[in-house]
Amino acid sequence: MKKKLYQFIFLQLMGWKIAGTIAPQVKKCVMIVIPHTSWHDFYLGLFTRGIIGLDMHWVGKKELFGFPFGAYFRWMGGAPLDRSGGLNKVDSIAAIFEKREVFRMAISPEGTRSKVSELKTGFYYIALKAKVPIIPVAFDYGKKKVRLGSPFHPTGHYQTDMASLLPFFKDVTGKIPQLGFKV
């Protein structure tokens, strides 16, 4: 019922499309979402998740998961990030992957909705450390299309791997085009 409602709102009323899919067998991955220029990206992700019908996740500092919003954030796919014990973010998130049977983490490598000239590299090193594929996801407001790419397994050669991943995002327009990362 909920899936049908999401499809009606997203596909019919809003006029968006989804191109591609994520195979249910891919139980763990890092989904990089580019461009990230607006808070509107959040509900596009929720609609996409609801239509595809797969659990998708995100991480936030553990303090967000206390009372009164903790249960809601977990229900929305959130995972608390515990950096105690001297762990850095990459190690802490890789530990979440290790503990869970299913963890498809969405992250924006831009790290902000503001204009950036370089992507943050954490997503890459998380995927490498957790031994999971990277799935490119584009929210193209120009074409009103969410594009889901194929799983890409990082090799440890960042520059070479990015040369393979970034063309997926060429000519994609964010909600606020002037803030989008230029491939």
C-alpha atoms as a PDB file:
ATOM      1  CA  MET A   1       0.000   0.000   0.000  1.00  0.00           C
ATOM      2  CA  LYS A   2       2.738   2.433   0.986  1.00  0.00           C
ATOM      3  CA  LYS A   3       4.721   1.584  -2.162  1.00  0.00           C
ATOM      4  CA  LYS A   4       1.689   2.343  -4.354  1.00  0.00           C
ATOM      5  CA  LEU A   5       1.232   5.690  -2.595  1.00  0.00           C
ATOM      6  CA  TYR A   6       4.918   6.567  -3.112  1.00  0.00           C
ATOM      7  CA  GLN A   7       4.662   5.599  -6.779  1.00  0.00           C
ATOM      8  CA  PHE A   8       1.567   7.728  -7.263  1.00  0.00           C
ATOM      9  CA  ILE A   9       3.051  10.812  -5.603  1.00  0.00           C
ATOM     10  CA  PHE A  10       6.574  10.527  -7.023  1.00  0.00           C
ATOM     11  CA  LEU A  11       5.859   9.218 -10.510  1.00  0.00           C
ATOM     12  CA  GLN A  12       2.414  10.642 -11.279  1.00  0.00           C
ATOM     13  CA  LEU A  13       2.034  13.855  -9.270  1.00  0.00           C
ATOM     14  CA  MET A  14       5.675  14.968  -9.188  1.00  0.00           C
ATOM     15  CA  GLY A  15       6.509  13.577 -12.648  1.00  0.00           C
ATOM     16  CA  TRP A  16       9.802  11.920 -11.663  1.00  0.00           C
ATOM     17  CA  LYS A  17      11.225   8.655 -12.993  1.00  0.00           C
ATOM     18  CA  ILE A  18      13.651   6.097 -11.614  1.00  0.00           C
ATOM     19  CA  ALA A  19      16.211   4.622 -14.007  1.00  0.00           C
ATOM     20  CA  GLY A  20      18.074   1.536 -12.865  1.00  0.00           C
ATOM     21  CA  THR A  21      17.741  -0.467  -9.705  1.00  0.00           C
ATOM     22  CA  ILE A  22      19.751  -1.983  -6.899  1.00  0.00           C
ATOM     23  CA  ALA A  23      19.728  -5.762  -6.890  1.00  0.00           C
ATOM     24  CA  PRO A  24      18.366  -7.144  -3.605  1.00  0.00           C
ATOM     25  CA  GLN A  25      21.456  -9.409  -3.450  1.00  0.00           C
ATOM     26  CA  VAL A  26      23.571  -6.281  -2.880  1.00  0.00           C
ATOM     27  CA  LYS A  27      23.021  -6.204   0.851  1.00  0.00           C
ATOM     28  CA  LYS A  28      25.921  -3.899   1.649  1.00  0.00           C
ATOM     29  CA  CYS A  29      27.117  -0.910  -0.357  1.00  0.00           C
ATOM     30  CA  VAL A  30      28.007   2.756  -0.248  1.00  0.00           C
ATOM     31  CA  MET A  31      25.613   4.784  -2.407  1.00  0.00           C
ATOM     32  CA  ILE A  32      27.161   8.102  -3.442  1.00  0.00           C
ATOM     33  CA  VAL A  33      24.506  10.702  -4.234  1.00  0.00           C
ATOM     34  CA  ILE A  34      25.636  13.582  -6.459  1.00  0.00           C
ATOM     35  CA  PRO A  35      24.740  16.431  -6.731  1.00  0.00           C
ATOM     36  CA  HIS A  36      23.492  17.402  -3.297  1.00  0.00           C
ATOM     37  CA  THR A  37      22.317  21.003  -3.555  1.00  0.00           C
ATOM     38  CA  SER A  38      19.054  21.122  -1.596  1.00  0.00           C
ATOM     39  CA  TRP A  39      17.121  19.678   1.327  1.00  0.00           C
ATOM     40  CA  HIS A  40      14.668  18.394  -1.299  1.00  0.00           C
ATOM     41  CA  ASP A  41      17.162  15.584  -1.973  1.00  0.00           C
ATOM     42  CA  PHE A  42      16.117  13.995   1.329  1.00  0.00           C
ATOM     43  CA  TYR A  43      12.541  13.260   0.350  1.00  0.00           C
ATOM     44  CA  LEU A  44      13.580  12.237  -3.180  1.00  0.00           C
ATOM     45  CA  GLY A  45      15.720   9.611  -1.480  1.00  0.00           C
ATOM     46  CA  LEU A  46      12.811   8.519   0.715  1.00  0.00           C
ATOM     47  CA  PHE A  47      10.490   8.148  -2.272  1.00  0.00           C
ATOM     48  CA  THR A  48      13.153   6.240  -4.206  1.00  0.00           C
ATOM     49  CA  ARG A  49      13.769   3.918  -1.268  1.00  0.00           C
ATOM     50  CA  GLY A  50      10.043   3.303  -0.833  1.00  0.00           C
ATOM     51  CA  ILE A  51       9.475   2.569  -4.516  1.00  0.00           C
ATOM     52  CA  ILE A  52      12.497   0.286  -4.873  1.00  0.00           C
ATOM     53  CA  GLY A  53      11.504  -1.493  -1.676  1.00  0.00           C
ATOM     54  CA  LEU A  54      14.998  -1.987  -0.236  1.00  0.00           C
ATOM     55  CA  ASP A  55      16.335  -0.796   3.100  1.00  0.00           C
ATOM     56  CA  MET A  56      18.704   2.130   2.703  1.00  0.00           C
ATOM     57  CA  HIS A  57      20.619   3.779   5.493  1.00  0.00           C
ATOM     58  CA  TRP A  58      22.553   6.817   6.625  1.00  0.00           C
ATOM     59  CA  VAL A  59      24.808   7.618   9.567  1.00  0.00           C
ATOM     60  CA  GLY A  60      24.708  10.449  12.080  1.00  0.00           C
ATOM     61  CA  LYS A  61      26.446  11.274  15.313  1.00  0.00           C
ATOM     62  CA  LYS A  62      25.214   9.074  18.146  1.00  0.00           C
ATOM     63  CA  GLU A  63      23.852  12.048  20.082  1.00  0.00           C
ATOM     64  CA  LEU A  64      21.072  12.390  17.471  1.00  0.00           C
ATOM     65  CA  PHE A  65      19.729   8.971  18.401  1.00  0.00           C
ATOM     66  CA  GLY A  66      18.741   9.730  21.984  1.00  0.00           C
ATOM     67  CA  PHE A  67      15.326  10.717  23.235  1.00  0.00           C
ATOM     68  CA  PRO A  68      13.010  12.001  21.743  1.00  0.00           C
ATOM     69  CA  PHE A  69      13.987  11.404  18.079  1.00  0.00           C
ATOM     70  CA  GLY A  70      16.217   8.308  18.257  1.00  0.00           C
ATOM     71  CA  ALA A  71      13.538   5.749  17.443  1.00  0.00           C
ATOM     72  CA  TYR A  72      12.292   7.854  14.516  1.00  0.00           C
ATOM     73  CA  PHE A  73      15.813   8.301  13.088  1.00  0.00           C
ATOM     74  CA  ARG A  74      16.459   4.544  13.318  1.00  0.00           C
ATOM     75  CA  TRP A  75      13.115   3.855  11.622  1.00  0.00           C
ATOM     76  CA  MET A  76      14.192   6.248   8.831  1.00  0.00           C
ATOM     77  CA  GLY A  77      17.322   4.144   8.247  1.00  0.00           C
ATOM     78  CA  GLY A  78      19.697   6.028  10.521  1.00  0.00           C
ATOM     79  CA  ALA A  79      22.612   4.383  12.271  1.00  0.00           C
ATOM     80  CA  PRO A  80      24.355   6.079  15.186  1.00  0.00           C
ATOM     81  CA  LEU A  81      28.039   6.756  14.632  1.00  0.00           C
ATOM     82  CA  ASP A  82      30.054   5.977  17.753  1.00  0.00           C
ATOM     83  CA  ARG A  83      33.577   7.333  17.519  1.00  0.00           C
ATOM     84  CA  SER A  84      34.603   6.428  21.051  1.00  0.00           C
ATOM     85  CA  GLY A  85      37.724   4.368  21.560  1.00  0.00           C
ATOM     86  CA  GLY A  86      39.806   6.523  19.235  1.00  0.00           C
ATOM     87  CA  LEU A  87      38.148   5.331  16.031  1.00  0.00           C
ATOM     88  CA  ASN A  88      38.054   7.706  13.084  1.00  0.00           C
ATOM     89  CA  LYS A  89      34.908   8.051  10.938  1.00  0.00           C
ATOM     90  CA  VAL A  90      36.042   5.562   8.304  1.00  0.00           C
ATOM     91  CA  ASP A  91      36.813   2.876  10.887  1.00  0.00           C
ATOM     92  CA  SER A  92      33.610   3.601  12.836  1.00  0.00           C
ATOM     93  CA  ILE A  93      31.402   3.294   9.749  1.00  0.00           C
ATOM     94  CA  ALA A  94      33.259   0.199   8.523  1.00  0.00           C
ATOM     95  CA  ALA A  95      32.470  -1.330  11.931  1.00  0.00           C
ATOM     96  CA  ILE A  96      28.749  -0.689  11.327  1.00  0.00           C
ATOM     97  CA  PHE A  97      29.011  -2.560   8.015  1.00  0.00           C
ATOM     98  CA  GLU A  98      30.710  -5.441   9.804  1.00  0.00           C
ATOM     99  CA  LYS A  99      27.981  -5.712  12.460  1.00  0.00           C
ATOM    100  CA  ARG A 100      24.994  -5.621  10.130  1.00  0.00           C
ATOM    101  CA  GLU A 101      23.690  -8.173   7.664  1.00  0.00           C
ATOM    102  CA  VAL A 102      22.156  -5.434   5.498  1.00  0.00           C
ATOM    103  CA  PHE A 103      23.590  -1.925   5.303  1.00  0.00           C
ATOM    104  CA  ARG A 104      23.177   0.189   2.169  1.00  0.00           C
ATOM    105  CA  MET A 105      24.589   3.553   3.175  1.00  0.00           C
ATOM    106  CA  ALA A 106      23.679   6.702   1.258  1.00  0.00           C
ATOM    107  CA  ILE A 107      26.165   9.546   1.482  1.00  0.00           C
ATOM    108  CA  SER A 108      26.849  12.772  -0.345  1.00  0.00           C
ATOM    109  CA  PRO A 109      30.562  13.043  -1.126  1.00  0.00           C
ATOM    110  CA  GLU A 110      30.116  16.793  -1.490  1.00  0.00           C
ATOM    111  CA  GLY A 111      29.650  16.895   2.291  1.00  0.00           C
ATOM    112  CA  THR A 112      27.438  19.987   2.066  1.00  0.00           C
ATOM    113  CA  ARG A 113      24.742  21.603  -0.033  1.00  0.00           C
ATOM    114  CA  SER A 114      27.109  24.469  -0.808  1.00  0.00           C
ATOM    115  CA  LYS A 115      29.320  24.680  -3.898  1.00  0.00           C
ATOM    116  CA  VAL A 116      32.461  22.518  -3.710  1.00  0.00           C
ATOM    117  CA  SER A 117      35.286  22.002  -6.169  1.00  0.00           C
ATOM    118  CA  GLU A 118      36.405  18.642  -4.726  1.00  0.00           C
ATOM    119  CA  LEU A 119      34.580  15.672  -3.290  1.00  0.00           C
ATOM    120  CA  LYS A 120      35.360  14.365   0.160  1.00  0.00           C
ATOM    121  CA  THR A 121      37.075  10.980  -0.046  1.00  0.00           C
ATOM    122  CA  GLY A 122      35.604   9.300   3.043  1.00  0.00           C
ATOM    123  CA  PHE A 123      32.957   7.394   1.071  1.00  0.00           C
ATOM    124  CA  TYR A 124      35.694   5.753  -0.982  1.00  0.00           C
ATOM    125  CA  TYR A 125      37.782   4.657   1.988  1.00  0.00           C
ATOM    126  CA  ILE A 126      34.680   3.429   3.834  1.00  0.00           C
ATOM    127  CA  ALA A 127      33.792   1.191   0.862  1.00  0.00           C
ATOM    128  CA  LEU A 128      37.380   0.002   0.584  1.00  0.00           C
ATOM    129  CA  LYS A 129      37.707  -0.780   4.302  1.00  0.00           C
ATOM    130  CA  ALA A 130      34.270  -2.432   4.519  1.00  0.00           C
ATOM    131  CA  LYS A 131      34.941  -4.350   1.272  1.00  0.00           C
ATOM    132  CA  VAL A 132      31.638  -3.224  -0.259  1.00  0.00           C
ATOM    133  CA  PRO A 133      30.791  -1.801  -3.687  1.00  0.00           C
ATOM    134  CA  ILE A 134      30.059   1.844  -4.439  1.00  0.00           C
ATOM    135  CA  ILE A 135      26.789   2.539  -6.247  1.00  0.00           C
ATOM    136  CA  PRO A 136      26.497   5.918  -7.983  1.00  0.00           C
ATOM    137  CA  VAL A 137      23.114   7.648  -7.568  1.00  0.00           C
ATOM    138  CA  ALA A 138      22.206  10.852  -9.413  1.00  0.00           C
ATOM    139  CA  PHE A 139      19.269  13.118  -8.568  1.00  0.00           C
ATOM    140  CA  ASP A 140      18.813  14.883 -11.903  1.00  0.00           C
ATOM    141  CA  TYR A 141      16.318  17.715 -11.447  1.00  0.00           C
ATOM    142  CA  GLY A 142      16.761  18.789 -15.071  1.00  0.00           C
ATOM    143  CA  LYS A 143      15.352  15.506 -16.344  1.00  0.00           C
ATOM    144  CA  LYS A 144      13.321  14.723 -13.185  1.00  0.00           C
ATOM    145  CA  LYS A 145      15.073  11.392 -12.950  1.00  0.00           C
ATOM    146  CA  VAL A 146      16.779   9.438 -10.193  1.00  0.00           C
ATOM    147  CA  ARG A 147      19.501   7.325 -11.820  1.00  0.00           C
ATOM    148  CA  LEU A 148      20.906   4.267 -10.050  1.00  0.00           C
ATOM    149  CA  GLY A 149      24.205   2.949 -11.371  1.00  0.00           C
ATOM    150  CA  SER A 150      25.896  -0.415 -11.260  1.00  0.00           C
ATOM    151  CA  PRO A 151      27.955  -1.561  -8.263  1.00  0.00           C
ATOM    152  CA  PHE A 152      31.605  -0.549  -8.573  1.00  0.00           C
ATOM    153  CA  HIS A 153      34.244  -2.314  -6.481  1.00  0.00           C
ATOM    154  CA  PRO A 154      37.022   0.053  -5.433  1.00  0.00           C
ATOM    155  CA  THR A 155      40.540  -1.117  -6.243  1.00  0.00           C
ATOM    156  CA  GLY A 156      42.513   1.070  -3.862  1.00  0.00           C
ATOM    157  CA  HIS A 157      43.584   3.399  -6.684  1.00  0.00           C
ATOM    158  CA  TYR A 158      41.449   6.444  -5.919  1.00  0.00           C
ATOM    159  CA  GLN A 159      42.207   8.575  -8.987  1.00  0.00           C
ATOM    160  CA  THR A 160      41.712   5.694 -11.431  1.00  0.00           C
ATOM    161  CA  ASP A 161      38.502   4.583  -9.732  1.00  0.00           C
ATOM    162  CA  MET A 162      37.094   8.120  -9.708  1.00  0.00           C
ATOM    163  CA  ALA A 163      37.837   8.389 -13.421  1.00  0.00           C
ATOM    164  CA  SER A 164      35.515   5.384 -13.823  1.00  0.00           C
ATOM    165  CA  LEU A 165      32.798   6.585 -11.405  1.00  0.00           C
ATOM    166  CA  LEU A 166      32.466  10.299 -12.143  1.00  0.00           C
ATOM    167  CA  PRO A 167      31.300  10.091 -15.791  1.00  0.00           C
ATOM    168  CA  PHE A 168      28.021   8.669 -14.421  1.00  0.00           C
ATOM    169  CA  PHE A 169      27.277  12.169 -13.074  1.00  0.00           C
ATOM    170  CA  LYS A 170      28.140  14.129 -16.229  1.00  0.00           C
ATOM    171  CA  ASP A 171      25.401  16.590 -17.237  1.00  0.00           C
ATOM    172  CA  VAL A 172      23.318  15.907 -14.112  1.00  0.00           C
ATOM    173  CA  THR A 173      21.545  19.020 -12.782  1.00  0.00           C
ATOM    174  CA  GLY A 174      20.924  19.579  -9.077  1.00  0.00           C
ATOM    175  CA  LYS A 175      17.926  21.426  -7.621  1.00  0.00           C
ATOM    176  CA  ILE A 176      20.100  24.541  -7.406  1.00  0.00           C
ATOM    177  CA  PRO A 177      22.318  24.084 -10.491  1.00  0.00           C
ATOM    178  CA  GLN A 178      24.962  26.662  -9.569  1.00  0.00           C
ATOM    179  CA  LEU A 179      25.740  24.728  -6.364  1.00  0.00           C
ATOM    180  CA  GLY A 180      26.227  21.347  -8.044  1.00  0.00           C
ATOM    181  CA  PHE A 181      29.583  19.619  -8.246  1.00  0.00           C
ATOM    182  CA  LYS A 182      30.997  19.853 -11.760  1.00  0.00           C
ATOM    183  CA  VAL A 183      32.285  16.581 -13.150  1.00  0.00           C
END
